[in-house]
Amino acid sequence: MDKELPVIDWGQHAQPGNAPDEMSRELLALFIQQLPELQERFQQAYASQHKEELQAVLHRLQGACAYCGLPRLRNVIADVSHALKQTGVVSSQQYEQIEQEIAVIEAELKKHSIA
């Protein structure tokens, strides 16, 4: 995980002088609304090591990260997705890495009254 990247890239959609802007807040609020369902799908797919479902959920999460400006989680998911393609499984360490990064995002969003 690249700790030098911001948890949330507030400037991705921002107008000069506005941070966080309304579009960023709305996209992140939608992300947080969908997150419990995505986490449940990810947990179930991980528990059964269902490769196709893991790929589908990771793909959806990675796309959401791109739209919402979540570069650290996006990079973690990209690494896990690559490893999944190579090995066919998600390790417990990779699973925990994604869950930890999600927890960091949730905490950051609470600071901004989004979560």
C-alpha atoms as a PDB file:
ATOM      1  CA  MET A   1       0.000   0.000   0.000  1.00  0.00           C
ATOM      2  CA  ASP A   2       1.337   3.424  -0.898  1.00  0.00           C
ATOM      3  CA  LYS A   3       0.990   5.489   2.290  1.00  0.00           C
ATOM      4  CA  GLU A   4       2.168   8.561   0.382  1.00  0.00           C
ATOM      5  CA  LEU A   5      -1.091   8.679  -1.560  1.00  0.00           C
ATOM      6  CA  PRO A   6      -3.983  10.510   0.063  1.00  0.00           C
ATOM      7  CA  VAL A   7      -6.815   8.413   1.492  1.00  0.00           C
ATOM      8  CA  ILE A   8      -9.243  10.673  -0.368  1.00  0.00           C
ATOM      9  CA  ASP A   9      -8.271  12.882  -3.283  1.00  0.00           C
ATOM     10  CA  TRP A  10     -10.519  15.832  -2.478  1.00  0.00           C
ATOM     11  CA  GLY A  11      -9.236  17.766  -5.467  1.00  0.00           C
ATOM     12  CA  GLN A  12     -10.356  15.248  -8.078  1.00  0.00           C
ATOM     13  CA  HIS A  13     -13.660  17.045  -8.709  1.00  0.00           C
ATOM     14  CA  ALA A  14     -12.992  20.301  -6.904  1.00  0.00           C
ATOM     15  CA  GLN A  15     -13.324  23.770  -8.271  1.00  0.00           C
ATOM     16  CA  PRO A  16     -10.478  26.068  -7.268  1.00  0.00           C
ATOM     17  CA  GLY A  17     -10.859  27.065  -3.621  1.00  0.00           C
ATOM     18  CA  ASN A  18     -13.548  24.475  -2.801  1.00  0.00           C
ATOM     19  CA  ALA A  19     -12.517  21.469  -0.764  1.00  0.00           C
ATOM     20  CA  PRO A  20     -14.351  19.199  -0.534  1.00  0.00           C
ATOM     21  CA  ASP A  21     -16.710  20.270  -3.300  1.00  0.00           C
ATOM     22  CA  GLU A  22     -20.333  19.203  -3.593  1.00  0.00           C
ATOM     23  CA  MET A  23     -19.715  16.614  -6.322  1.00  0.00           C
ATOM     24  CA  SER A  24     -17.016  14.892  -4.267  1.00  0.00           C
ATOM     25  CA  ARG A  25     -19.300  14.816  -1.233  1.00  0.00           C
ATOM     26  CA  GLU A  26     -22.188  13.360  -3.252  1.00  0.00           C
ATOM     27  CA  LEU A  27     -20.044  10.668  -4.885  1.00  0.00           C
ATOM     28  CA  LEU A  28     -18.517   9.689  -1.567  1.00  0.00           C
ATOM     29  CA  ALA A  29     -21.955   9.581   0.082  1.00  0.00           C
ATOM     30  CA  LEU A  30     -23.146   7.206  -2.661  1.00  0.00           C
ATOM     31  CA  PHE A  31     -20.030   5.097  -2.188  1.00  0.00           C
ATOM     32  CA  ILE A  32     -20.680   4.826   1.557  1.00  0.00           C
ATOM     33  CA  GLN A  33     -24.328   3.880   0.924  1.00  0.00           C
ATOM     34  CA  GLN A  34     -23.270   1.029  -1.368  1.00  0.00           C
ATOM     35  CA  LEU A  35     -20.298  -0.053   0.726  1.00  0.00           C
ATOM     36  CA  PRO A  36     -22.116  -2.428   3.131  1.00  0.00           C
ATOM     37  CA  GLU A  37     -23.510  -4.463   0.224  1.00  0.00           C
ATOM     38  CA  LEU A  38     -20.127  -4.545  -1.515  1.00  0.00           C
ATOM     39  CA  GLN A  39     -18.347  -5.542   1.684  1.00  0.00           C
ATOM     40  CA  GLU A  40     -20.831  -8.341   2.295  1.00  0.00           C
ATOM     41  CA  ARG A  41     -20.373  -9.633  -1.250  1.00  0.00           C
ATOM     42  CA  PHE A  42     -16.614  -9.406  -0.841  1.00  0.00           C
ATOM     43  CA  GLN A  43     -16.724 -11.250   2.507  1.00  0.00           C
ATOM     44  CA  GLN A  44     -18.877 -14.046   1.081  1.00  0.00           C
ATOM     45  CA  ALA A  45     -16.763 -14.395  -2.054  1.00  0.00           C
ATOM     46  CA  TYR A  46     -13.599 -14.405   0.057  1.00  0.00           C
ATOM     47  CA  ALA A  47     -14.994 -17.050   2.432  1.00  0.00           C
ATOM     48  CA  SER A  48     -15.787 -19.353  -0.480  1.00  0.00           C
ATOM     49  CA  GLN A  49     -12.814 -18.194  -2.629  1.00  0.00           C
ATOM     50  CA  HIS A  50     -15.256 -17.812  -5.524  1.00  0.00           C
ATOM     51  CA  LYS A  51     -12.851 -16.352  -8.064  1.00  0.00           C
ATOM     52  CA  GLU A  52     -15.418 -14.883 -10.473  1.00  0.00           C
ATOM     53  CA  GLU A  53     -17.368 -13.172  -7.689  1.00  0.00           C
ATOM     54  CA  LEU A  54     -14.156 -11.867  -6.135  1.00  0.00           C
ATOM     55  CA  GLN A  55     -13.160 -10.427  -9.512  1.00  0.00           C
ATOM     56  CA  ALA A  56     -16.605  -8.855  -9.984  1.00  0.00           C
ATOM     57  CA  VAL A  57     -16.661  -7.231  -6.551  1.00  0.00           C
ATOM     58  CA  LEU A  58     -13.078  -6.016  -6.790  1.00  0.00           C
ATOM     59  CA  HIS A  59     -13.795  -4.582 -10.235  1.00  0.00           C
ATOM     60  CA  ARG A  60     -16.829  -2.721  -8.927  1.00  0.00           C
ATOM     61  CA  LEU A  61     -14.915  -1.394  -5.919  1.00  0.00           C
ATOM     62  CA  GLN A  62     -12.008  -0.304  -8.077  1.00  0.00           C
ATOM     63  CA  GLY A  63     -14.336   1.575 -10.421  1.00  0.00           C
ATOM     64  CA  ALA A  64     -16.003   3.305  -7.488  1.00  0.00           C
ATOM     65  CA  CYS A  65     -12.577   4.284  -6.177  1.00  0.00           C
ATOM     66  CA  ALA A  66     -11.710   5.870  -9.507  1.00  0.00           C
ATOM     67  CA  TYR A  67     -14.896   7.969  -9.550  1.00  0.00           C
ATOM     68  CA  CYS A  68     -14.736   8.906  -5.875  1.00  0.00           C
ATOM     69  CA  GLY A  69     -11.074   9.774  -5.649  1.00  0.00           C
ATOM     70  CA  LEU A  70      -9.872   6.970  -3.354  1.00  0.00           C
ATOM     71  CA  PRO A  71      -6.345   6.358  -4.664  1.00  0.00           C
ATOM     72  CA  ARG A  72      -4.968   4.239  -1.818  1.00  0.00           C
ATOM     73  CA  LEU A  73      -7.861   1.779  -1.847  1.00  0.00           C
ATOM     74  CA  ARG A  74      -7.786   1.742  -5.632  1.00  0.00           C
ATOM     75  CA  ASN A  75      -4.097   0.740  -5.604  1.00  0.00           C
ATOM     76  CA  VAL A  76      -4.643  -1.946  -2.969  1.00  0.00           C
ATOM     77  CA  ILE A  77      -7.515  -3.399  -4.991  1.00  0.00           C
ATOM     78  CA  ALA A  78      -5.447  -3.290  -8.179  1.00  0.00           C
ATOM     79  CA  ASP A  79      -2.682  -5.267  -6.449  1.00  0.00           C
ATOM     80  CA  VAL A  80      -5.147  -7.816  -5.028  1.00  0.00           C
ATOM     81  CA  SER A  81      -6.898  -8.168  -8.400  1.00  0.00           C
ATOM     82  CA  HIS A  82      -3.582  -8.807 -10.102  1.00  0.00           C
ATOM     83  CA  ALA A  83      -2.647 -11.425  -7.507  1.00  0.00           C
ATOM     84  CA  LEU A  84      -6.083 -13.034  -7.853  1.00  0.00           C
ATOM     85  CA  LYS A  85      -5.569 -13.405 -11.601  1.00  0.00           C
ATOM     86  CA  GLN A  86      -2.163 -14.992 -10.976  1.00  0.00           C
ATOM     87  CA  THR A  87      -3.036 -17.323  -8.093  1.00  0.00           C
ATOM     88  CA  GLY A  88      -6.823 -17.722  -8.206  1.00  0.00           C
ATOM     89  CA  VAL A  89      -7.211 -16.808  -4.513  1.00  0.00           C
ATOM     90  CA  VAL A  90      -7.265 -13.811  -2.194  1.00  0.00           C
ATOM     91  CA  SER A  91      -5.033 -14.318   0.844  1.00  0.00           C
ATOM     92  CA  SER A  92      -6.082 -13.407   4.362  1.00  0.00           C
ATOM     93  CA  GLN A  93      -3.453 -10.650   4.333  1.00  0.00           C
ATOM     94  CA  GLN A  94      -4.905  -9.180   1.125  1.00  0.00           C
ATOM     95  CA  TYR A  95      -8.429  -9.426   2.511  1.00  0.00           C
ATOM     96  CA  GLU A  96      -7.386  -7.634   5.709  1.00  0.00           C
ATOM     97  CA  GLN A  97      -5.536  -4.972   3.735  1.00  0.00           C
ATOM     98  CA  ILE A  98      -8.715  -4.071   1.840  1.00  0.00           C
ATOM     99  CA  GLU A  99     -10.834  -4.116   5.010  1.00  0.00           C
ATOM    100  CA  GLN A 100      -8.316  -1.905   6.841  1.00  0.00           C
ATOM    101  CA  GLU A 101      -8.190   0.608   4.012  1.00  0.00           C
ATOM    102  CA  ILE A 102     -12.004   0.754   3.943  1.00  0.00           C
ATOM    103  CA  ALA A 103     -11.990   1.447   7.702  1.00  0.00           C
ATOM    104  CA  VAL A 104      -9.525   4.313   7.164  1.00  0.00           C
ATOM    105  CA  ILE A 105     -11.798   5.775   4.472  1.00  0.00           C
ATOM    106  CA  GLU A 106     -14.857   5.471   6.709  1.00  0.00           C
ATOM    107  CA  ALA A 107     -13.041   7.280   9.530  1.00  0.00           C
ATOM    108  CA  GLU A 108     -11.914  10.034   7.173  1.00  0.00           C
ATOM    109  CA  LEU A 109     -15.433  10.495   5.822  1.00  0.00           C
ATOM    110  CA  LYS A 110     -16.854  10.731   9.345  1.00  0.00           C
ATOM    111  CA  LYS A 111     -14.464  13.633   9.996  1.00  0.00           C
ATOM    112  CA  HIS A 112     -16.139  15.415   7.073  1.00  0.00           C
ATOM    113  CA  SER A 113     -19.684  14.433   8.115  1.00  0.00           C
ATOM    114  CA  ILE A 114     -20.145  12.232   5.046  1.00  0.00           C
ATOM    115  CA  ALA A 115     -20.377   8.789   6.637  1.00  0.00           C
END
